[in-house]
Amino acid sequence: MIHQLQEVNVKIDTPLGRVFRGFTRAVSIKTKKQVTIEFRQNWVNYLSLSEQAELTIEDGTVFRRFILKNAMARLDRNKLSILAQSVK
C-alpha cells in the first residue's frame, strides 16, 4: 500500500564533514552489485552500499547526483542518513 507522499529528510556525511542536508520527494540509489533491501514501516532499516553507489535526489527543480564510496545508509521513517568514506 502506498501512503501519501512525504518529503524525505536526507543527510549525507563523510568523516571530513557534511556534504548535503535537505528535503526531497525523490531518492534513487543505484549500486554496481545487486542489493536486496527489506523495508518495514516504523522500523529502522540499515543498508550497506559496498564499494560504489550512485545517489540521485530531487533538489527543488533539479536533480543532484552523488557518487558514494564505501557507504552505510540508515532509513528511519522519513529520514535517510548516509555516511560514506568519500563523496563526489
C-alpha atoms as a PDB file:
ATOM      1  CA  MET A   1       0.000   0.000   0.000  1.00  0.00           C
ATOM      2  CA  ILE A   2       1.335   3.442  -0.909  1.00  0.00           C
ATOM      3  CA  HIS A   3       0.656   6.149   1.622  1.00  0.00           C
ATOM      4  CA  GLN A   4       0.582   9.883   0.982  1.00  0.00           C
ATOM      5  CA  LEU A   5       3.905  11.011  -0.479  1.00  0.00           C
ATOM      6  CA  GLN A   6       6.068  12.716   2.131  1.00  0.00           C
ATOM      7  CA  GLU A   7       9.332  14.514   1.822  1.00  0.00           C
ATOM      8  CA  VAL A   8      12.409  12.620   2.941  1.00  0.00           C
ATOM      9  CA  ASN A   9      14.991  14.352   5.109  1.00  0.00           C
ATOM     10  CA  VAL A  10      18.361  13.446   3.527  1.00  0.00           C
ATOM     11  CA  LYS A  11      21.706  13.815   5.295  1.00  0.00           C
ATOM     12  CA  ILE A  12      24.977  12.845   3.593  1.00  0.00           C
ATOM     13  CA  ASP A  13      28.214  12.962   5.594  1.00  0.00           C
ATOM     14  CA  THR A  14      31.836  11.831   5.344  1.00  0.00           C
ATOM     15  CA  PRO A  15      34.406  11.625   8.140  1.00  0.00           C
ATOM     16  CA  LEU A  16      35.548  15.086   6.969  1.00  0.00           C
ATOM     17  CA  GLY A  17      32.119  16.663   7.479  1.00  0.00           C
ATOM     18  CA  ARG A  18      28.732  17.481   5.978  1.00  0.00           C
ATOM     19  CA  VAL A  19      28.152  17.036   2.238  1.00  0.00           C
ATOM     20  CA  PHE A  20      24.405  17.605   1.889  1.00  0.00           C
ATOM     21  CA  ARG A  21      21.383  18.363   4.065  1.00  0.00           C
ATOM     22  CA  GLY A  22      17.884  18.865   2.736  1.00  0.00           C
ATOM     23  CA  PHE A  23      14.413  17.570   1.992  1.00  0.00           C
ATOM     24  CA  THR A  24      13.431  15.763  -1.199  1.00  0.00           C
ATOM     25  CA  ARG A  25      10.448  13.924  -2.666  1.00  0.00           C
ATOM     26  CA  ALA A  26      12.559  11.590  -4.818  1.00  0.00           C
ATOM     27  CA  VAL A  27      15.591   9.448  -3.936  1.00  0.00           C
ATOM     28  CA  SER A  28      17.226   6.893  -6.219  1.00  0.00           C
ATOM     29  CA  ILE A  29      20.112   4.619  -5.211  1.00  0.00           C
ATOM     30  CA  LYS A  30      21.996   2.553  -7.805  1.00  0.00           C
ATOM     31  CA  THR A  31      24.744   0.092  -6.931  1.00  0.00           C
ATOM     32  CA  LYS A  32      27.157  -1.909  -9.068  1.00  0.00           C
ATOM     33  CA  LYS A  33      26.207  -5.107  -7.243  1.00  0.00           C
ATOM     34  CA  GLN A  34      22.729  -6.470  -6.644  1.00  0.00           C
ATOM     35  CA  VAL A  35      21.344  -5.417  -3.272  1.00  0.00           C
ATOM     36  CA  THR A  36      18.284  -6.848  -1.564  1.00  0.00           C
ATOM     37  CA  ILE A  37      16.539  -4.449   0.776  1.00  0.00           C
ATOM     38  CA  GLU A  38      13.563  -5.092   3.019  1.00  0.00           C
ATOM     39  CA  PHE A  39      11.868  -2.024   4.439  1.00  0.00           C
ATOM     40  CA  ARG A  40       9.243  -2.276   7.144  1.00  0.00           C
ATOM     41  CA  GLN A  41       7.108   0.606   8.235  1.00  0.00           C
ATOM     42  CA  ASN A  42       8.085   2.085  11.631  1.00  0.00           C
ATOM     43  CA  TRP A  43      11.364   0.134  11.751  1.00  0.00           C
ATOM     44  CA  VAL A  44      14.900   1.481  11.496  1.00  0.00           C
ATOM     45  CA  ASN A  45      16.479  -0.039   8.399  1.00  0.00           C
ATOM     46  CA  TYR A  46      20.174  -0.184   7.532  1.00  0.00           C
ATOM     47  CA  LEU A  47      21.751  -0.690   4.115  1.00  0.00           C
ATOM     48  CA  SER A  48      25.409  -1.251   3.331  1.00  0.00           C
ATOM     49  CA  LEU A  49      26.361   0.282  -0.004  1.00  0.00           C
ATOM     50  CA  SER A  50      29.645  -1.515  -0.652  1.00  0.00           C
ATOM     51  CA  GLU A  51      32.340  -0.242  -2.984  1.00  0.00           C
ATOM     52  CA  GLN A  52      30.490   2.393  -5.017  1.00  0.00           C
ATOM     53  CA  ALA A  53      26.910   3.611  -5.261  1.00  0.00           C
ATOM     54  CA  GLU A  54      25.167   6.457  -7.056  1.00  0.00           C
ATOM     55  CA  LEU A  55      22.578   8.504  -5.164  1.00  0.00           C
ATOM     56  CA  THR A  56      20.287  10.872  -7.067  1.00  0.00           C
ATOM     57  CA  ILE A  57      17.955  13.246  -5.255  1.00  0.00           C
ATOM     58  CA  GLU A  58      15.414  15.786  -6.428  1.00  0.00           C
ATOM     59  CA  ASP A  59      16.572  19.142  -5.029  1.00  0.00           C
ATOM     60  CA  GLY A  60      13.809  21.623  -5.852  1.00  0.00           C
ATOM     61  CA  THR A  61      13.527  21.619  -9.641  1.00  0.00           C
ATOM     62  CA  VAL A  62      16.909  19.972 -10.320  1.00  0.00           C
ATOM     63  CA  PHE A  63      18.365  16.530  -9.735  1.00  0.00           C
ATOM     64  CA  ARG A  64      21.666  16.185  -7.857  1.00  0.00           C
ATOM     65  CA  ARG A  65      23.891  13.148  -8.200  1.00  0.00           C
ATOM     66  CA  PHE A  66      26.370  11.910  -5.615  1.00  0.00           C
ATOM     67  CA  ILE A  67      28.889   9.090  -6.067  1.00  0.00           C
ATOM     68  CA  LEU A  68      29.322   7.331  -2.719  1.00  0.00           C
ATOM     69  CA  LYS A  69      32.326   5.179  -1.843  1.00  0.00           C
ATOM     70  CA  ASN A  70      32.026   2.585   0.933  1.00  0.00           C
ATOM     71  CA  ALA A  71      28.804   3.968   2.377  1.00  0.00           C
ATOM     72  CA  MET A  72      26.282   2.936   5.009  1.00  0.00           C
ATOM     73  CA  ALA A  73      22.700   4.181   4.814  1.00  0.00           C
ATOM     74  CA  ARG A  74      20.120   4.346   7.606  1.00  0.00           C
ATOM     75  CA  LEU A  75      16.433   4.806   6.886  1.00  0.00           C
ATOM     76  CA  ASP A  76      14.251   5.753   9.847  1.00  0.00           C
ATOM     77  CA  ARG A  77      10.699   6.623   8.777  1.00  0.00           C
ATOM     78  CA  ASN A  78      11.173   9.685   6.542  1.00  0.00           C
ATOM     79  CA  LYS A  79      14.840  10.321   7.401  1.00  0.00           C
ATOM     80  CA  LEU A  80      17.692   8.969   5.243  1.00  0.00           C
ATOM     81  CA  SER A  81      21.177   9.312   6.762  1.00  0.00           C
ATOM     82  CA  ILE A  82      24.265   8.297   4.800  1.00  0.00           C
ATOM     83  CA  LEU A  83      27.861   8.058   5.987  1.00  0.00           C
ATOM     84  CA  ALA A  84      30.376   7.480   3.214  1.00  0.00           C
ATOM     85  CA  GLN A  85      34.146   7.185   3.101  1.00  0.00           C
ATOM     86  CA  SER A  86      34.088   9.736   0.272  1.00  0.00           C
ATOM     87  CA  VAL A  87      31.515  11.527  -1.881  1.00  0.00           C
ATOM     88  CA  LYS A  88      31.982  13.037  -5.352  1.00  0.00           C
END
